[in-house]
Amino acid sequence: MELPPTETRKARCVTFPALGERAALWYFPQLTGGTLRVLRNALLIYAARFAPSFTIKRALLRLTGAHIAPYAAIGLGVMLDIFFPQDITIEDDATIGYNTTILAHEFTWRAWRRGPVRICRGATIGANCTILPGVVVGEGAVVSAMSLVNRDVPPGAFVGGVPIRLIKKPPLPTEEGAAVGD
């Protein structure tokens, strides 16, 4: 088994040219709904980074439009995309480790890209990871600490590194539905 190519992630994203002759990031107010919207998102997300409870953290992140399930566990210092938090979904029982960054956009010199990110049920993201736009982390998958997630992670897989590579394949299902080795 191999990980999907980065093109799978990029296919979920939409790429746009810069609006003028400057670097694409220069035009963020026109692309993101305005400076005040981004400032509001930034304040809510920064407050959520240090919120002492999952309930407060979830409420603050939902105010930005992020889709956070009731039982998602989001660790201290986690940073969601301030431009497009509404493109991020974190499902129940997913755990996001300390200081991880989840991006729903990428700016380059002459273009920018936007795509949804989905962290599926029961997935675990280690500390200090970066997840790029368009990525899907499958159900029960594990991403080791300090990883760059630049492609999809299959359900049940264990990945890590910069960029990620497969460390352990997901267990094979048996006819009865239990995984081999359970």
N, C-alpha and C. Protein backbone atom coordinates (compact mmCIF):
# COMPACT_ATOMS: atom_id res chain seq x y z
N MET A 1 0.84 -1.19 0.00
CA MET A 1 0.00 0.00 0.00
C MET A 1 0.88 1.25 0.00
N GLU A 2 0.47 2.23 -0.77
CA GLU A 2 1.15 3.52 -0.80
C GLU A 2 0.17 4.62 -0.45
N LEU A 3 0.69 5.75 -0.04
CA LEU A 3 -0.17 6.91 0.20
C LEU A 3 -0.62 7.48 -1.13
N PRO A 4 -1.79 8.12 -1.16
CA PRO A 4 -2.23 8.77 -2.40
C PRO A 4 -1.26 9.88 -2.79
N PRO A 5 -1.17 10.20 -4.07
CA PRO A 5 -0.30 11.30 -4.49
C PRO A 5 -0.83 12.65 -4.01
N THR A 6 0.04 13.64 -3.96
CA THR A 6 -0.39 14.98 -3.53
C THR A 6 -1.41 15.56 -4.51
N GLU A 7 -1.44 15.06 -5.73
CA GLU A 7 -2.40 15.56 -6.72
C GLU A 7 -3.84 15.30 -6.27
N THR A 8 -4.08 14.23 -5.49
CA THR A 8 -5.42 13.97 -4.97
C THR A 8 -5.87 15.11 -4.08
N ARG A 9 -5.00 15.56 -3.19
CA ARG A 9 -5.30 16.69 -2.32
C ARG A 9 -5.51 17.96 -3.14
N LYS A 10 -4.62 18.20 -4.07
CA LYS A 10 -4.69 19.42 -4.87
C LYS A 10 -5.95 19.46 -5.74
N ALA A 11 -6.45 18.28 -6.14
CA ALA A 11 -7.67 18.23 -6.95
C ALA A 11 -8.89 18.72 -6.17
N ARG A 12 -8.85 18.64 -4.85
CA ARG A 12 -9.95 19.15 -4.02
C ARG A 12 -9.87 20.67 -3.85
N CYS A 13 -8.76 21.23 -4.23
CA CYS A 13 -8.54 22.67 -4.06
C CYS A 13 -8.86 23.41 -5.35
N VAL A 14 -9.17 24.68 -5.19
CA VAL A 14 -9.37 25.56 -6.33
C VAL A 14 -8.22 26.56 -6.33
N THR A 15 -7.57 26.72 -7.48
CA THR A 15 -6.43 27.63 -7.60
C THR A 15 -6.86 28.88 -8.36
N PHE A 16 -6.44 30.03 -7.86
CA PHE A 16 -6.78 31.32 -8.45
C PHE A 16 -5.49 32.11 -8.70
N PRO A 17 -5.46 32.92 -9.76
CA PRO A 17 -4.30 33.79 -9.98
C PRO A 17 -4.33 34.96 -9.00
N ALA A 18 -3.18 35.57 -8.78
CA ALA A 18 -3.12 36.79 -7.97
C ALA A 18 -3.98 37.86 -8.65
N LEU A 19 -4.54 38.76 -7.85
CA LEU A 19 -5.42 39.80 -8.38
C LEU A 19 -4.68 40.96 -9.03
N GLY A 20 -3.38 40.99 -8.86
CA GLY A 20 -2.59 42.08 -9.43
C GLY A 20 -1.15 41.66 -9.59
N GLU A 21 -0.27 42.64 -9.67
CA GLU A 21 1.14 42.36 -9.93
C GLU A 21 1.94 42.01 -8.67
N ARG A 22 1.37 42.18 -7.50
CA ARG A 22 2.05 41.86 -6.24
C ARG A 22 1.87 40.39 -5.89
N ALA A 23 2.59 39.95 -4.86
CA ALA A 23 2.42 38.57 -4.36
C ALA A 23 0.96 38.36 -3.98
N ALA A 24 0.44 37.17 -4.21
CA ALA A 24 -0.98 36.88 -4.02
C ALA A 24 -1.47 37.22 -2.61
N LEU A 25 -0.65 37.00 -1.59
CA LEU A 25 -1.05 37.27 -0.21
C LEU A 25 -1.39 38.75 0.00
N TRP A 26 -0.78 39.63 -0.77
CA TRP A 26 -1.04 41.06 -0.64
C TRP A 26 -2.53 41.38 -0.80
N TYR A 27 -3.26 40.55 -1.53
CA TYR A 27 -4.67 40.81 -1.85
C TYR A 27 -5.64 40.08 -0.92
N PHE A 28 -5.16 39.60 0.22
CA PHE A 28 -6.02 38.80 1.09
C PHE A 28 -7.33 39.48 1.49
N PRO A 29 -7.38 40.81 1.70
CA PRO A 29 -8.68 41.39 2.10
C PRO A 29 -9.78 41.17 1.05
N GLN A 30 -9.42 41.24 -0.23
CA GLN A 30 -10.40 41.04 -1.28
C GLN A 30 -10.79 39.56 -1.42
N LEU A 31 -9.91 38.67 -1.03
CA LEU A 31 -10.13 37.24 -1.23
C LEU A 31 -10.84 36.56 -0.07
N THR A 32 -10.81 37.16 1.09
CA THR A 32 -11.25 36.46 2.30
C THR A 32 -12.46 37.06 2.98
N GLY A 33 -13.05 38.10 2.39
CA GLY A 33 -14.20 38.72 3.01
C GLY A 33 -13.87 39.98 3.79
N GLY A 34 -12.65 40.44 3.70
CA GLY A 34 -12.28 41.69 4.32
C GLY A 34 -11.40 41.56 5.54
N THR A 35 -10.69 42.63 5.83
CA THR A 35 -9.76 42.66 6.96
C THR A 35 -10.47 42.47 8.29
N LEU A 36 -11.64 43.05 8.46
CA LEU A 36 -12.36 42.91 9.74
C LEU A 36 -12.80 41.47 9.99
N ARG A 37 -13.23 40.78 8.95
CA ARG A 37 -13.60 39.36 9.10
C ARG A 37 -12.39 38.52 9.51
N VAL A 38 -11.27 38.78 8.87
CA VAL A 38 -10.05 38.04 9.20
C VAL A 38 -9.59 38.38 10.62
N LEU A 39 -9.69 39.64 11.01
CA LEU A 39 -9.34 40.03 12.38
C LEU A 39 -10.24 39.33 13.39
N ARG A 40 -11.53 39.29 13.13
CA ARG A 40 -12.47 38.58 14.01
C ARG A 40 -12.09 37.11 14.14
N ASN A 41 -11.84 36.46 12.99
CA ASN A 41 -11.43 35.05 13.01
C ASN A 41 -10.14 34.88 13.82
N ALA A 42 -9.18 35.75 13.58
CA ALA A 42 -7.89 35.65 14.28
C ALA A 42 -8.07 35.76 15.78
N LEU A 43 -8.88 36.71 16.22
CA LEU A 43 -9.11 36.88 17.67
C LEU A 43 -9.80 35.66 18.28
N LEU A 44 -10.80 35.14 17.59
CA LEU A 44 -11.50 33.95 18.10
C LEU A 44 -10.58 32.73 18.13
N ILE A 45 -9.80 32.55 17.07
CA ILE A 45 -8.91 31.39 16.99
C ILE A 45 -7.79 31.50 18.02
N TYR A 46 -7.23 32.69 18.18
CA TYR A 46 -6.18 32.85 19.20
C TYR A 46 -6.73 32.63 20.60
N ALA A 47 -7.94 33.09 20.88
CA ALA A 47 -8.56 32.83 22.18
C ALA A 47 -8.78 31.33 22.37
N ALA A 48 -9.21 30.65 21.32
CA ALA A 48 -9.44 29.20 21.40
C ALA A 48 -8.14 28.43 21.64
N ARG A 49 -7.03 28.94 21.12
CA ARG A 49 -5.74 28.25 21.29
C ARG A 49 -5.40 28.04 22.76
N PHE A 50 -5.84 28.96 23.61
CA PHE A 50 -5.48 28.90 25.02
C PHE A 50 -6.67 28.69 25.93
N ALA A 51 -7.82 28.39 25.35
CA ALA A 51 -9.02 28.14 26.15
C ALA A 51 -8.80 26.91 27.03
N PRO A 52 -9.23 26.97 28.30
CA PRO A 52 -8.95 25.88 29.24
C PRO A 52 -9.90 24.69 29.15
N SER A 53 -10.90 24.76 28.27
CA SER A 53 -11.82 23.61 28.17
C SER A 53 -12.18 23.36 26.71
N PHE A 54 -12.51 22.10 26.42
CA PHE A 54 -12.93 21.75 25.06
C PHE A 54 -14.23 22.46 24.69
N THR A 55 -15.13 22.66 25.65
CA THR A 55 -16.41 23.31 25.39
C THR A 55 -16.20 24.75 24.94
N ILE A 56 -15.36 25.49 25.65
CA ILE A 56 -15.08 26.89 25.28
C ILE A 56 -14.35 26.94 23.94
N LYS A 57 -13.36 26.08 23.78
CA LYS A 57 -12.56 26.04 22.54
C LYS A 57 -13.48 25.76 21.35
N ARG A 58 -14.33 24.75 21.49
CA ARG A 58 -15.25 24.37 20.41
C ARG A 58 -16.19 25.54 20.07
N ALA A 59 -16.75 26.20 21.09
CA ALA A 59 -17.66 27.32 20.86
C ALA A 59 -16.97 28.46 20.11
N LEU A 60 -15.75 28.80 20.52
CA LEU A 60 -15.01 29.87 19.85
C LEU A 60 -14.71 29.51 18.39
N LEU A 61 -14.28 28.28 18.15
CA LEU A 61 -13.95 27.87 16.78
C LEU A 61 -15.20 27.79 15.91
N ARG A 62 -16.32 27.37 16.47
CA ARG A 62 -17.57 27.33 15.70
C ARG A 62 -18.02 28.73 15.29
N LEU A 63 -17.72 29.74 16.11
CA LEU A 63 -18.07 31.12 15.75
C LEU A 63 -17.35 31.59 14.49
N THR A 64 -16.25 30.96 14.14
CA THR A 64 -15.53 31.30 12.91
C THR A 64 -16.11 30.58 11.70
N GLY A 65 -17.00 29.62 11.94
CA GLY A 65 -17.55 28.82 10.85
C GLY A 65 -16.92 27.45 10.73
N ALA A 66 -15.90 27.15 11.52
CA ALA A 66 -15.28 25.82 11.49
C ALA A 66 -16.30 24.78 11.97
N HIS A 67 -16.23 23.60 11.40
CA HIS A 67 -17.15 22.51 11.74
C HIS A 67 -16.46 21.60 12.75
N ILE A 68 -16.78 21.79 14.02
CA ILE A 68 -16.12 21.05 15.10
C ILE A 68 -17.18 20.17 15.77
N ALA A 69 -16.98 18.86 15.75
CA ALA A 69 -17.93 17.92 16.34
C ALA A 69 -17.93 18.06 17.87
N PRO A 70 -19.03 17.67 18.51
CA PRO A 70 -19.15 17.83 19.97
C PRO A 70 -18.05 17.12 20.78
N TYR A 71 -17.52 16.02 20.26
CA TYR A 71 -16.52 15.28 21.02
C TYR A 71 -15.14 15.28 20.36
N ALA A 72 -14.85 16.32 19.59
CA ALA A 72 -13.50 16.49 19.06
C ALA A 72 -12.61 17.02 20.18
N ALA A 73 -11.39 16.50 20.28
CA ALA A 73 -10.44 16.93 21.31
C ALA A 73 -9.34 17.74 20.65
N ILE A 74 -9.36 19.05 20.87
CA ILE A 74 -8.42 19.96 20.23
C ILE A 74 -7.48 20.49 21.30
N GLY A 75 -6.20 20.19 21.15
CA GLY A 75 -5.20 20.51 22.17
C GLY A 75 -4.82 21.98 22.23
N LEU A 76 -4.03 22.28 23.23
CA LEU A 76 -3.53 23.63 23.48
C LEU A 76 -2.70 24.12 22.30
N GLY A 77 -2.92 25.34 21.89
CA GLY A 77 -2.10 25.96 20.86
C GLY A 77 -2.45 25.59 19.44
N VAL A 78 -3.50 24.81 19.21
CA VAL A 78 -3.87 24.44 17.85
C VAL A 78 -4.34 25.68 17.09
N MET A 79 -3.86 25.83 15.87
CA MET A 79 -4.14 27.02 15.05
C MET A 79 -4.90 26.60 13.80
N LEU A 80 -6.14 27.09 13.67
CA LEU A 80 -6.90 26.88 12.45
C LEU A 80 -6.65 28.04 11.49
N ASP A 81 -6.90 27.81 10.23
CA ASP A 81 -6.76 28.81 9.18
C ASP A 81 -7.60 30.04 9.52
N ILE A 82 -6.98 31.22 9.58
CA ILE A 82 -7.73 32.43 9.92
C ILE A 82 -8.50 32.99 8.73
N PHE A 83 -8.12 32.62 7.51
CA PHE A 83 -8.80 33.12 6.33
C PHE A 83 -10.06 32.32 6.00
N PHE A 84 -9.98 30.99 6.09
CA PHE A 84 -11.09 30.12 5.68
C PHE A 84 -11.36 29.01 6.69
N PRO A 85 -11.63 29.35 7.94
CA PRO A 85 -11.89 28.29 8.93
C PRO A 85 -13.15 27.49 8.62
N GLN A 86 -14.06 28.06 7.85
CA GLN A 86 -15.29 27.37 7.48
C GLN A 86 -15.03 26.15 6.59
N ASP A 87 -13.83 26.03 6.06
CA ASP A 87 -13.46 24.89 5.22
C ASP A 87 -12.84 23.74 6.02
N ILE A 88 -12.84 23.84 7.34
CA ILE A 88 -12.22 22.83 8.19
C ILE A 88 -13.30 22.05 8.95
N THR A 89 -13.21 20.72 8.89
CA THR A 89 -14.12 19.84 9.61
C THR A 89 -13.30 18.89 10.48
N ILE A 90 -13.65 18.86 11.77
CA ILE A 90 -13.01 17.93 12.71
C ILE A 90 -14.13 17.11 13.34
N GLU A 91 -14.09 15.80 13.10
CA GLU A 91 -15.17 14.92 13.53
C GLU A 91 -14.99 14.43 14.97
N ASP A 92 -16.04 13.79 15.49
CA ASP A 92 -16.03 13.26 16.86
C ASP A 92 -14.84 12.34 17.11
N ASP A 93 -14.32 12.44 18.31
CA ASP A 93 -13.24 11.60 18.82
C ASP A 93 -11.93 11.76 18.07
N ALA A 94 -11.85 12.76 17.19
CA ALA A 94 -10.55 13.10 16.58
C ALA A 94 -9.77 13.88 17.64
N THR A 95 -8.46 13.65 17.69
CA THR A 95 -7.59 14.34 18.63
C THR A 95 -6.55 15.12 17.84
N ILE A 96 -6.47 16.42 18.11
CA ILE A 96 -5.50 17.29 17.44
C ILE A 96 -4.49 17.73 18.48
N GLY A 97 -3.23 17.38 18.28
CA GLY A 97 -2.19 17.62 19.27
C GLY A 97 -1.70 19.06 19.33
N TYR A 98 -1.02 19.33 20.42
CA TYR A 98 -0.45 20.64 20.76
C TYR A 98 0.21 21.32 19.57
N ASN A 99 -0.15 22.59 19.37
CA ASN A 99 0.53 23.48 18.44
C ASN A 99 0.45 23.05 16.98
N THR A 100 -0.54 22.27 16.62
CA THR A 100 -0.73 21.87 15.23
C THR A 100 -1.41 22.99 14.46
N THR A 101 -1.07 23.14 13.19
CA THR A 101 -1.66 24.14 12.31
C THR A 101 -2.45 23.42 11.22
N ILE A 102 -3.69 23.86 11.02
CA ILE A 102 -4.55 23.28 9.97
C ILE A 102 -4.88 24.41 8.99
N LEU A 103 -4.40 24.28 7.77
CA LEU A 103 -4.57 25.31 6.75
C LEU A 103 -5.61 24.90 5.71
N ALA A 104 -6.44 25.85 5.30
CA ALA A 104 -7.40 25.62 4.22
C ALA A 104 -7.04 26.48 3.01
N HIS A 105 -5.86 27.08 3.04
CA HIS A 105 -5.39 27.90 1.92
C HIS A 105 -3.88 27.81 1.81
N GLU A 106 -3.39 28.17 0.62
CA GLU A 106 -1.95 28.32 0.37
C GLU A 106 -1.79 29.54 -0.53
N PHE A 107 -0.89 30.42 -0.17
CA PHE A 107 -0.55 31.55 -1.03
C PHE A 107 0.84 31.32 -1.59
N THR A 108 0.98 31.54 -2.88
CA THR A 108 2.29 31.54 -3.51
C THR A 108 2.50 32.93 -4.10
N TRP A 109 3.55 33.11 -4.82
CA TRP A 109 3.87 34.44 -5.33
C TRP A 109 2.78 34.95 -6.26
N ARG A 110 2.36 34.16 -7.23
CA ARG A 110 1.44 34.64 -8.26
C ARG A 110 0.08 33.95 -8.24
N ALA A 111 -0.18 33.12 -7.24
CA ALA A 111 -1.46 32.41 -7.18
C ALA A 111 -1.78 32.04 -5.73
N TRP A 112 -3.01 31.60 -5.53
CA TRP A 112 -3.39 31.10 -4.22
C TRP A 112 -4.36 29.94 -4.43
N ARG A 113 -4.42 29.09 -3.43
CA ARG A 113 -5.21 27.85 -3.50
C ARG A 113 -6.04 27.74 -2.24
N ARG A 114 -7.28 27.23 -2.39
CA ARG A 114 -8.18 27.03 -1.26
C ARG A 114 -8.80 25.65 -1.37
N GLY A 115 -8.86 24.93 -0.24
CA GLY A 115 -9.46 23.60 -0.26
C GLY A 115 -9.88 23.14 1.13
N PRO A 116 -10.89 22.28 1.19
CA PRO A 116 -11.40 21.80 2.48
C PRO A 116 -10.45 20.81 3.15
N VAL A 117 -10.47 20.81 4.48
CA VAL A 117 -9.69 19.84 5.26
C VAL A 117 -10.68 19.08 6.13
N ARG A 118 -10.50 17.76 6.17
CA ARG A 118 -11.39 16.93 6.98
C ARG A 118 -10.55 15.98 7.83
N ILE A 119 -10.74 16.07 9.14
CA ILE A 119 -10.11 15.15 10.08
C ILE A 119 -11.23 14.22 10.54
N CYS A 120 -11.16 12.97 10.14
CA CYS A 120 -12.26 12.03 10.35
C CYS A 120 -12.30 11.48 11.78
N ARG A 121 -13.40 10.86 12.10
CA ARG A 121 -13.67 10.28 13.42
C ARG A 121 -12.50 9.41 13.89
N GLY A 122 -12.08 9.66 15.12
CA GLY A 122 -11.07 8.82 15.75
C GLY A 122 -9.65 9.01 15.25
N ALA A 123 -9.42 9.96 14.36
CA ALA A 123 -8.06 10.21 13.88
C ALA A 123 -7.27 10.92 14.97
N THR A 124 -5.95 10.70 14.98
CA THR A 124 -5.07 11.36 15.95
C THR A 124 -3.98 12.10 15.19
N ILE A 125 -3.85 13.39 15.49
CA ILE A 125 -2.80 14.22 14.89
C ILE A 125 -1.84 14.58 16.02
N GLY A 126 -0.58 14.22 15.90
CA GLY A 126 0.40 14.52 16.94
C GLY A 126 0.70 16.00 17.05
N ALA A 127 1.53 16.34 18.01
CA ALA A 127 1.90 17.74 18.26
C ALA A 127 2.74 18.32 17.13
N ASN A 128 2.60 19.62 16.93
CA ASN A 128 3.44 20.38 16.01
C ASN A 128 3.36 19.92 14.56
N CYS A 129 2.21 19.49 14.12
CA CYS A 129 2.01 19.09 12.73
C CYS A 129 1.47 20.26 11.92
N THR A 130 1.64 20.19 10.61
CA THR A 130 1.02 21.13 9.69
C THR A 130 0.21 20.31 8.69
N ILE A 131 -1.06 20.67 8.55
CA ILE A 131 -1.95 19.99 7.61
C ILE A 131 -2.30 20.98 6.52
N LEU A 132 -2.05 20.60 5.27
CA LEU A 132 -2.26 21.49 4.13
C LEU A 132 -3.68 21.40 3.59
N PRO A 133 -4.11 22.41 2.81
CA PRO A 133 -5.47 22.41 2.29
C PRO A 133 -5.76 21.23 1.38
N GLY A 134 -7.03 20.76 1.45
CA GLY A 134 -7.46 19.66 0.60
C GLY A 134 -7.22 18.29 1.19
N VAL A 135 -6.60 18.20 2.35
CA VAL A 135 -6.25 16.91 2.96
C VAL A 135 -7.44 16.28 3.67
N VAL A 136 -7.55 14.97 3.56
CA VAL A 136 -8.48 14.17 4.35
C VAL A 136 -7.66 13.20 5.17
N VAL A 137 -7.79 13.26 6.50
CA VAL A 137 -7.15 12.29 7.39
C VAL A 137 -8.24 11.29 7.75
N GLY A 138 -8.07 10.05 7.31
CA GLY A 138 -9.11 9.03 7.42
C GLY A 138 -9.42 8.59 8.84
N GLU A 139 -10.53 7.93 8.98
CA GLU A 139 -11.01 7.44 10.27
C GLU A 139 -9.95 6.56 10.93
N GLY A 140 -9.64 6.87 12.20
CA GLY A 140 -8.71 6.07 12.98
C GLY A 140 -7.25 6.19 12.56
N ALA A 141 -6.94 7.08 11.63
CA ALA A 141 -5.55 7.26 11.20
C ALA A 141 -4.75 7.98 12.28
N VAL A 142 -3.42 7.78 12.26
CA VAL A 142 -2.53 8.43 13.22
C VAL A 142 -1.43 9.14 12.45
N VAL A 143 -1.21 10.42 12.80
CA VAL A 143 -0.12 11.22 12.22
C VAL A 143 0.86 11.51 13.35
N SER A 144 2.11 11.10 13.18
CA SER A 144 3.10 11.31 14.24
C SER A 144 3.44 12.79 14.38
N ALA A 145 3.98 13.14 15.53
CA ALA A 145 4.33 14.53 15.84
C ALA A 145 5.30 15.10 14.81
N MET A 146 5.19 16.42 14.61
CA MET A 146 6.08 17.20 13.75
C MET A 146 6.05 16.77 12.29
N SER A 147 4.86 16.36 11.82
CA SER A 147 4.72 15.91 10.44
C SER A 147 4.11 16.98 9.56
N LEU A 148 4.45 16.95 8.28
CA LEU A 148 3.84 17.79 7.26
C LEU A 148 2.89 16.91 6.47
N VAL A 149 1.59 17.14 6.64
CA VAL A 149 0.56 16.32 5.98
C VAL A 149 0.21 16.99 4.66
N ASN A 150 0.85 16.54 3.61
CA ASN A 150 0.70 17.13 2.28
C ASN A 150 -0.09 16.23 1.33
N ARG A 151 -0.69 15.18 1.88
CA ARG A 151 -1.50 14.26 1.08
C ARG A 151 -2.50 13.58 2.01
N ASP A 152 -3.47 12.89 1.44
CA ASP A 152 -4.47 12.19 2.25
C ASP A 152 -3.83 11.07 3.05
N VAL A 153 -4.44 10.77 4.20
CA VAL A 153 -4.01 9.67 5.05
C VAL A 153 -5.15 8.65 5.06
N PRO A 154 -4.90 7.42 4.59
CA PRO A 154 -5.97 6.42 4.54
C PRO A 154 -6.48 6.06 5.94
N PRO A 155 -7.72 5.62 6.04
CA PRO A 155 -8.26 5.19 7.34
C PRO A 155 -7.36 4.14 7.99
N GLY A 156 -7.07 4.32 9.27
CA GLY A 156 -6.29 3.34 10.03
C GLY A 156 -4.79 3.37 9.80
N ALA A 157 -4.31 4.17 8.88
CA ALA A 157 -2.87 4.21 8.59
C ALA A 157 -2.12 4.99 9.67
N PHE A 158 -0.83 4.71 9.81
CA PHE A 158 0.06 5.45 10.70
C PHE A 158 1.12 6.08 9.82
N VAL A 159 1.18 7.43 9.81
CA VAL A 159 2.10 8.16 8.95
C VAL A 159 2.93 9.13 9.78
N GLY A 160 4.03 9.59 9.19
CA GLY A 160 4.84 10.59 9.85
C GLY A 160 5.95 11.07 8.94
N GLY A 161 6.54 12.21 9.31
CA GLY A 161 7.68 12.74 8.58
C GLY A 161 7.36 14.04 7.88
N VAL A 162 8.41 14.58 7.22
CA VAL A 162 8.29 15.83 6.48
C VAL A 162 8.85 15.58 5.09
N PRO A 163 7.99 15.38 4.08
CA PRO A 163 6.55 15.20 4.17
C PRO A 163 6.22 13.81 4.68
N ILE A 164 4.93 13.56 4.94
CA ILE A 164 4.55 12.27 5.53
C ILE A 164 4.87 11.11 4.60
N ARG A 165 5.13 9.99 5.23
CA ARG A 165 5.27 8.71 4.53
C ARG A 165 4.60 7.65 5.39
N LEU A 166 4.26 6.56 4.79
CA LEU A 166 3.57 5.48 5.49
C LEU A 166 4.54 4.78 6.43
N ILE A 167 4.18 4.71 7.71
CA ILE A 167 4.98 4.01 8.70
C ILE A 167 4.40 2.63 8.96
N LYS A 168 3.07 2.57 9.05
CA LYS A 168 2.40 1.30 9.28
C LYS A 168 1.09 1.28 8.49
N LYS A 169 0.87 0.19 7.76
CA LYS A 169 -0.34 0.04 6.97
C LYS A 169 -1.53 -0.19 7.89
N PRO A 170 -2.72 0.20 7.43
CA PRO A 170 -3.91 -0.10 8.23
C PRO A 170 -4.15 -1.61 8.27
N PRO A 171 -4.78 -2.10 9.35
CA PRO A 171 -5.05 -3.54 9.42
C PRO A 171 -6.05 -3.95 8.35
N LEU A 172 -5.89 -5.19 7.87
CA LEU A 172 -6.81 -5.72 6.86
C LEU A 172 -8.07 -6.25 7.55
N PRO A 173 -9.25 -5.94 7.00
CA PRO A 173 -10.47 -6.48 7.60
C PRO A 173 -10.62 -7.96 7.29
N THR A 174 -11.25 -8.68 8.19
CA THR A 174 -11.57 -10.10 7.95
C THR A 174 -13.02 -10.17 7.50
N GLU A 175 -13.47 -11.38 7.19
CA GLU A 175 -14.85 -11.56 6.75
C GLU A 175 -15.85 -11.15 7.82
N GLU A 176 -15.53 -11.33 9.08
CA GLU A 176 -16.44 -10.99 10.16
C GLU A 176 -16.42 -9.49 10.46
N GLY A 177 -15.52 -8.73 9.84
CA GLY A 177 -15.45 -7.30 10.06
C GLY A 177 -14.40 -6.87 11.05
N ALA A 178 -13.81 -7.81 11.83
CA ALA A 178 -12.75 -7.43 12.76
C ALA A 178 -11.43 -7.35 12.00
N ALA A 179 -10.56 -6.51 12.44
CA ALA A 179 -9.27 -6.36 11.79
C ALA A 179 -8.36 -7.52 12.15
N VAL A 180 -7.53 -7.92 11.20
CA VAL A 180 -6.55 -8.97 11.48
C VAL A 180 -5.58 -8.45 12.53
N GLY A 181 -5.33 -9.22 13.55
CA GLY A 181 -4.41 -8.83 14.60
C GLY A 181 -5.09 -8.20 15.81
N ASP A 182 -6.43 -8.00 15.72
CA ASP A 182 -7.15 -7.44 16.88
C ASP A 182 -7.31 -8.47 17.98
